[in-house]
């Protein structure tokens, strides 16, 4: 029988690495922008669970923790305002400021 490890335990372990946490957040944004809302929410939920950030982020957003959990659930439907605030607070928690760089030719 093959040895297996619970996925959540693996994510928690990997999130001890700051570079992994930032990569997870960036990948979540990219996934949202590609239109895969369910997977983007799942990645964001994994980040919040692994870093035990639900309560602190909800407090900073001035919403109930249950509302934040619903927002990033599989059936969640966050407003753009809440989603952008959530990412902003997660990046602040990591001590980084993301920037957008154009790719290829950008029409003027």
N, C-alpha and C. Protein backbone atom coordinates (compact mmCIF):
# COMPACT_ATOMS: atom_id res chain seq x y z
N UNK A 1 0.84 -1.17 0.00
CA UNK A 1 0.00 0.00 0.00
C UNK A 1 0.89 1.25 0.00
N UNK A 2 0.56 2.20 -0.87
CA UNK A 2 1.34 3.42 -0.98
C UNK A 2 1.06 4.34 0.20
N UNK A 3 2.08 5.04 0.61
CA UNK A 3 1.91 6.02 1.68
C UNK A 3 1.31 7.28 1.07
N UNK A 4 0.32 7.84 1.73
CA UNK A 4 -0.29 9.08 1.26
C UNK A 4 -0.27 10.10 2.39
N UNK A 5 -0.38 11.33 1.99
CA UNK A 5 -0.41 12.41 2.97
C UNK A 5 -1.61 13.29 2.63
N UNK A 6 -2.32 13.71 3.62
CA UNK A 6 -3.46 14.57 3.41
C UNK A 6 -3.02 15.84 2.69
N UNK A 7 -3.77 16.24 1.66
CA UNK A 7 -3.42 17.41 0.86
C UNK A 7 -3.31 18.67 1.72
N UNK A 8 -4.25 18.84 2.64
CA UNK A 8 -4.22 20.02 3.50
C UNK A 8 -2.95 20.07 4.34
N UNK A 9 -2.51 18.92 4.83
CA UNK A 9 -1.27 18.88 5.60
C UNK A 9 -0.08 19.28 4.73
N UNK A 10 -0.11 18.85 3.47
CA UNK A 10 0.97 19.19 2.55
C UNK A 10 1.00 20.70 2.30
N UNK A 11 -0.16 21.30 2.07
CA UNK A 11 -0.22 22.74 1.83
C UNK A 11 0.24 23.51 3.06
N UNK A 12 -0.20 23.09 4.24
CA UNK A 12 0.23 23.74 5.48
C UNK A 12 1.75 23.68 5.60
N UNK A 13 2.31 22.54 5.32
CA UNK A 13 3.77 22.37 5.40
C UNK A 13 4.48 23.27 4.39
N UNK A 14 3.98 23.30 3.16
CA UNK A 14 4.62 24.12 2.13
C UNK A 14 4.47 25.61 2.42
N UNK A 15 3.37 25.99 3.08
CA UNK A 15 3.14 27.41 3.38
C UNK A 15 4.07 27.94 4.47
N UNK A 16 4.88 27.08 5.04
CA UNK A 16 5.91 27.57 5.97
C UNK A 16 6.98 28.32 5.20
N UNK A 17 7.05 28.10 3.90
CA UNK A 17 8.01 28.77 3.02
C UNK A 17 7.37 30.06 2.49
N UNK A 18 7.92 31.23 2.83
CA UNK A 18 7.34 32.50 2.37
C UNK A 18 7.22 32.60 0.85
N UNK A 19 8.19 32.06 0.13
CA UNK A 19 8.13 32.11 -1.33
C UNK A 19 6.96 31.30 -1.86
N UNK A 20 6.67 30.17 -1.23
CA UNK A 20 5.52 29.36 -1.65
C UNK A 20 4.23 30.12 -1.40
N UNK A 21 4.12 30.79 -0.25
CA UNK A 21 2.90 31.54 0.07
C UNK A 21 2.64 32.62 -0.97
N UNK A 22 3.68 33.37 -1.33
CA UNK A 22 3.53 34.43 -2.33
C UNK A 22 3.16 33.82 -3.68
N UNK A 23 3.82 32.73 -4.05
CA UNK A 23 3.52 32.07 -5.33
C UNK A 23 2.07 31.59 -5.36
N UNK A 24 1.57 31.09 -4.23
CA UNK A 24 0.19 30.63 -4.15
C UNK A 24 -0.78 31.79 -4.36
N UNK A 25 -0.49 32.94 -3.75
CA UNK A 25 -1.34 34.11 -3.94
C UNK A 25 -1.31 34.60 -5.38
N UNK A 26 -0.12 34.66 -5.97
CA UNK A 26 0.00 35.11 -7.36
C UNK A 26 -0.72 34.15 -8.31
N UNK A 27 -0.59 32.88 -8.06
CA UNK A 27 -1.27 31.88 -8.90
C UNK A 27 -2.78 32.00 -8.74
N UNK A 28 -3.25 32.30 -7.54
CA UNK A 28 -4.69 32.48 -7.31
C UNK A 28 -5.21 33.66 -8.12
N UNK A 29 -4.48 34.77 -8.12
CA UNK A 29 -4.88 35.95 -8.91
C UNK A 29 -4.93 35.59 -10.39
N UNK A 30 -3.88 34.95 -10.86
CA UNK A 30 -3.81 34.57 -12.27
C UNK A 30 -4.98 33.65 -12.65
N UNK A 31 -5.30 32.74 -11.76
CA UNK A 31 -6.39 31.80 -12.01
C UNK A 31 -7.73 32.53 -12.08
N UNK A 32 -7.94 33.50 -11.17
CA UNK A 32 -9.15 34.32 -11.24
C UNK A 32 -9.21 35.06 -12.58
N UNK A 33 -8.10 35.67 -12.97
CA UNK A 33 -8.08 36.45 -14.21
C UNK A 33 -8.32 35.58 -15.44
N UNK A 34 -7.95 34.32 -15.37
CA UNK A 34 -8.20 33.40 -16.47
C UNK A 34 -9.65 32.90 -16.48
N UNK A 35 -10.42 33.30 -15.47
CA UNK A 35 -11.83 32.95 -15.42
C UNK A 35 -12.19 31.71 -14.63
N UNK A 36 -11.20 31.09 -14.01
CA UNK A 36 -11.48 29.88 -13.23
C UNK A 36 -11.68 30.28 -11.76
N UNK A 37 -12.86 30.79 -11.49
CA UNK A 37 -13.18 31.36 -10.18
C UNK A 37 -13.12 30.30 -9.08
N UNK A 38 -13.65 29.11 -9.37
CA UNK A 38 -13.70 28.06 -8.35
C UNK A 38 -12.29 27.65 -7.90
N UNK A 39 -11.38 27.48 -8.86
CA UNK A 39 -10.01 27.09 -8.51
C UNK A 39 -9.28 28.24 -7.82
N UNK A 40 -9.48 29.48 -8.31
CA UNK A 40 -8.87 30.63 -7.66
C UNK A 40 -9.31 30.76 -6.21
N UNK A 41 -10.59 30.55 -5.97
CA UNK A 41 -11.12 30.61 -4.60
C UNK A 41 -10.53 29.49 -3.75
N UNK A 42 -10.39 28.32 -4.35
CA UNK A 42 -9.81 27.18 -3.62
C UNK A 42 -8.37 27.48 -3.20
N UNK A 43 -7.61 28.08 -4.10
CA UNK A 43 -6.22 28.41 -3.78
C UNK A 43 -6.16 29.46 -2.67
N UNK A 44 -7.02 30.46 -2.77
CA UNK A 44 -7.06 31.50 -1.75
C UNK A 44 -7.49 30.92 -0.41
N UNK A 45 -8.45 30.02 -0.43
CA UNK A 45 -8.90 29.34 0.79
C UNK A 45 -7.78 28.50 1.39
N UNK A 46 -7.02 27.81 0.53
CA UNK A 46 -5.87 27.03 1.01
C UNK A 46 -4.86 27.93 1.71
N UNK A 47 -4.59 29.10 1.11
CA UNK A 47 -3.65 30.05 1.71
C UNK A 47 -4.15 30.49 3.09
N UNK A 48 -5.41 30.90 3.15
CA UNK A 48 -5.97 31.40 4.41
C UNK A 48 -6.00 30.33 5.49
N UNK A 49 -6.33 29.10 5.11
CA UNK A 49 -6.33 28.00 6.07
C UNK A 49 -4.91 27.68 6.54
N UNK A 50 -3.99 27.58 5.60
CA UNK A 50 -2.62 27.18 5.94
C UNK A 50 -1.91 28.22 6.80
N UNK A 51 -2.25 29.48 6.60
CA UNK A 51 -1.60 30.55 7.37
C UNK A 51 -2.44 30.95 8.59
N UNK A 52 -3.55 30.26 8.79
CA UNK A 52 -4.47 30.55 9.90
C UNK A 52 -4.84 32.03 9.93
N UNK A 53 -5.20 32.55 8.76
CA UNK A 53 -5.43 33.99 8.61
C UNK A 53 -6.90 34.39 8.54
N UNK A 54 -7.81 33.44 8.55
CA UNK A 54 -9.22 33.80 8.38
C UNK A 54 -9.67 34.85 9.38
N UNK A 55 -9.43 34.63 10.66
CA UNK A 55 -9.92 35.55 11.69
C UNK A 55 -9.29 36.94 11.56
N UNK A 56 -7.97 36.98 11.39
CA UNK A 56 -7.28 38.26 11.31
C UNK A 56 -7.66 39.07 10.08
N UNK A 57 -7.74 38.39 8.94
CA UNK A 57 -8.10 39.08 7.70
C UNK A 57 -9.56 39.55 7.77
N UNK A 58 -10.45 38.70 8.27
CA UNK A 58 -11.86 39.09 8.41
C UNK A 58 -11.98 40.32 9.30
N UNK A 59 -11.23 40.35 10.39
CA UNK A 59 -11.25 41.49 11.30
C UNK A 59 -10.79 42.75 10.58
N UNK A 60 -9.72 42.64 9.81
CA UNK A 60 -9.20 43.81 9.08
C UNK A 60 -10.16 44.26 7.98
N UNK A 61 -10.94 43.32 7.43
CA UNK A 61 -11.94 43.67 6.41
C UNK A 61 -13.23 44.17 7.06
N UNK A 62 -13.31 44.07 8.37
CA UNK A 62 -14.49 44.45 9.14
C UNK A 62 -15.72 43.65 8.72
N UNK A 63 -15.51 42.33 8.57
CA UNK A 63 -16.60 41.41 8.27
C UNK A 63 -16.48 40.22 9.21
N UNK A 64 -17.52 39.43 9.30
CA UNK A 64 -17.48 38.22 10.12
C UNK A 64 -16.62 37.17 9.44
N UNK A 65 -15.93 36.38 10.24
CA UNK A 65 -15.11 35.31 9.68
C UNK A 65 -15.94 34.37 8.82
N UNK A 66 -17.17 34.09 9.23
CA UNK A 66 -18.04 33.21 8.44
C UNK A 66 -18.31 33.80 7.06
N UNK A 67 -18.42 35.11 6.98
CA UNK A 67 -18.64 35.77 5.68
C UNK A 67 -17.43 35.60 4.78
N UNK A 68 -16.24 35.72 5.36
CA UNK A 68 -15.01 35.53 4.59
C UNK A 68 -14.92 34.08 4.11
N UNK A 69 -15.25 33.15 4.98
CA UNK A 69 -15.21 31.74 4.60
C UNK A 69 -16.20 31.46 3.46
N UNK A 70 -17.39 32.06 3.51
CA UNK A 70 -18.36 31.90 2.43
C UNK A 70 -17.83 32.52 1.14
N UNK A 71 -17.18 33.66 1.27
CA UNK A 71 -16.67 34.38 0.11
C UNK A 71 -15.71 33.52 -0.71
N UNK A 72 -14.87 32.73 -0.05
CA UNK A 72 -13.88 31.92 -0.76
C UNK A 72 -14.30 30.44 -0.84
N UNK A 73 -15.57 30.17 -0.54
CA UNK A 73 -16.05 28.79 -0.66
C UNK A 73 -16.28 28.45 -2.13
N UNK A 74 -16.53 27.19 -2.42
CA UNK A 74 -16.75 26.75 -3.80
C UNK A 74 -17.93 27.47 -4.44
N UNK A 75 -18.92 27.85 -3.64
CA UNK A 75 -20.09 28.57 -4.17
C UNK A 75 -20.04 30.06 -3.85
N UNK A 76 -18.90 30.54 -3.39
CA UNK A 76 -18.78 31.94 -3.02
C UNK A 76 -18.89 32.86 -4.23
N UNK A 77 -19.31 34.08 -3.97
CA UNK A 77 -19.47 35.06 -5.04
C UNK A 77 -19.05 36.43 -4.50
N UNK A 78 -17.75 36.62 -4.25
CA UNK A 78 -17.30 37.88 -3.66
C UNK A 78 -17.43 39.04 -4.63
N UNK A 79 -17.69 40.20 -4.08
CA UNK A 79 -17.67 41.40 -4.92
C UNK A 79 -16.22 41.70 -5.29
N UNK A 80 -16.04 42.46 -6.35
CA UNK A 80 -14.69 42.84 -6.76
C UNK A 80 -14.01 43.61 -5.62
N UNK A 81 -14.77 44.48 -4.96
CA UNK A 81 -14.22 45.27 -3.86
C UNK A 81 -13.67 44.36 -2.76
N UNK A 82 -14.46 43.37 -2.36
CA UNK A 82 -14.02 42.46 -1.29
C UNK A 82 -12.85 41.59 -1.73
N UNK A 83 -12.89 41.11 -2.96
CA UNK A 83 -11.82 40.25 -3.45
C UNK A 83 -10.50 41.01 -3.53
N UNK A 84 -10.55 42.23 -4.05
CA UNK A 84 -9.33 43.03 -4.14
C UNK A 84 -8.80 43.40 -2.76
N UNK A 85 -9.70 43.71 -1.83
CA UNK A 85 -9.28 44.01 -0.46
C UNK A 85 -8.64 42.77 0.17
N UNK A 86 -9.22 41.61 -0.08
CA UNK A 86 -8.68 40.37 0.45
C UNK A 86 -7.26 40.13 -0.05
N UNK A 87 -7.05 40.27 -1.36
CA UNK A 87 -5.71 40.10 -1.90
C UNK A 87 -4.75 41.15 -1.34
N UNK A 88 -5.21 42.39 -1.24
CA UNK A 88 -4.36 43.46 -0.69
C UNK A 88 -3.89 43.10 0.71
N UNK A 89 -4.80 42.65 1.56
CA UNK A 89 -4.45 42.31 2.93
C UNK A 89 -3.54 41.09 3.01
N UNK A 90 -3.77 40.12 2.14
CA UNK A 90 -2.89 38.94 2.11
C UNK A 90 -1.48 39.33 1.70
N UNK A 91 -1.36 40.19 0.69
CA UNK A 91 -0.04 40.64 0.27
C UNK A 91 0.63 41.48 1.35
N UNK A 92 -0.13 42.33 2.02
CA UNK A 92 0.43 43.09 3.14
C UNK A 92 0.95 42.15 4.22
N UNK A 93 0.19 41.10 4.48
CA UNK A 93 0.60 40.12 5.48
C UNK A 93 1.94 39.48 5.10
N UNK A 94 2.17 39.33 3.81
CA UNK A 94 3.43 38.75 3.33
C UNK A 94 4.52 39.80 3.18
N UNK A 95 4.16 41.07 3.38
CA UNK A 95 5.16 42.14 3.29
C UNK A 95 5.58 42.48 1.88
N UNK A 96 4.69 42.27 0.91
CA UNK A 96 5.04 42.58 -0.47
C UNK A 96 3.99 43.48 -1.11
N UNK A 97 4.41 44.17 -2.17
CA UNK A 97 3.52 44.98 -2.98
C UNK A 97 3.64 44.48 -4.41
N UNK A 98 2.60 43.81 -4.91
CA UNK A 98 2.69 43.31 -6.28
C UNK A 98 2.62 44.45 -7.29
N UNK A 99 3.21 44.24 -8.45
CA UNK A 99 3.12 45.22 -9.53
C UNK A 99 2.75 44.49 -10.81
N UNK A 100 2.18 45.23 -11.73
CA UNK A 100 1.75 44.66 -13.00
C UNK A 100 2.73 45.10 -14.07
N UNK A 101 3.18 44.14 -14.85
CA UNK A 101 4.11 44.42 -15.94
C UNK A 101 3.45 44.03 -17.25
N UNK A 102 3.48 44.92 -18.27
CA UNK A 102 2.91 44.55 -19.56
C UNK A 102 3.71 43.43 -20.21
N UNK A 103 3.01 42.59 -20.94
CA UNK A 103 3.65 41.49 -21.66
C UNK A 103 3.46 41.74 -23.14
N UNK A 104 4.55 41.74 -23.90
CA UNK A 104 4.46 41.94 -25.34
C UNK A 104 4.14 43.38 -25.69
N UNK A 105 3.59 43.56 -26.88
CA UNK A 105 3.25 44.90 -27.35
C UNK A 105 1.93 45.34 -26.75
N UNK A 106 1.93 46.53 -26.20
CA UNK A 106 0.72 47.09 -25.61
C UNK A 106 0.29 48.25 -26.48
N UNK A 107 -0.95 48.21 -26.96
CA UNK A 107 -1.45 49.28 -27.81
C UNK A 107 -1.58 50.56 -27.01
N UNK A 108 -1.18 51.64 -27.62
CA UNK A 108 -1.23 52.94 -26.94
C UNK A 108 -2.55 53.62 -27.15
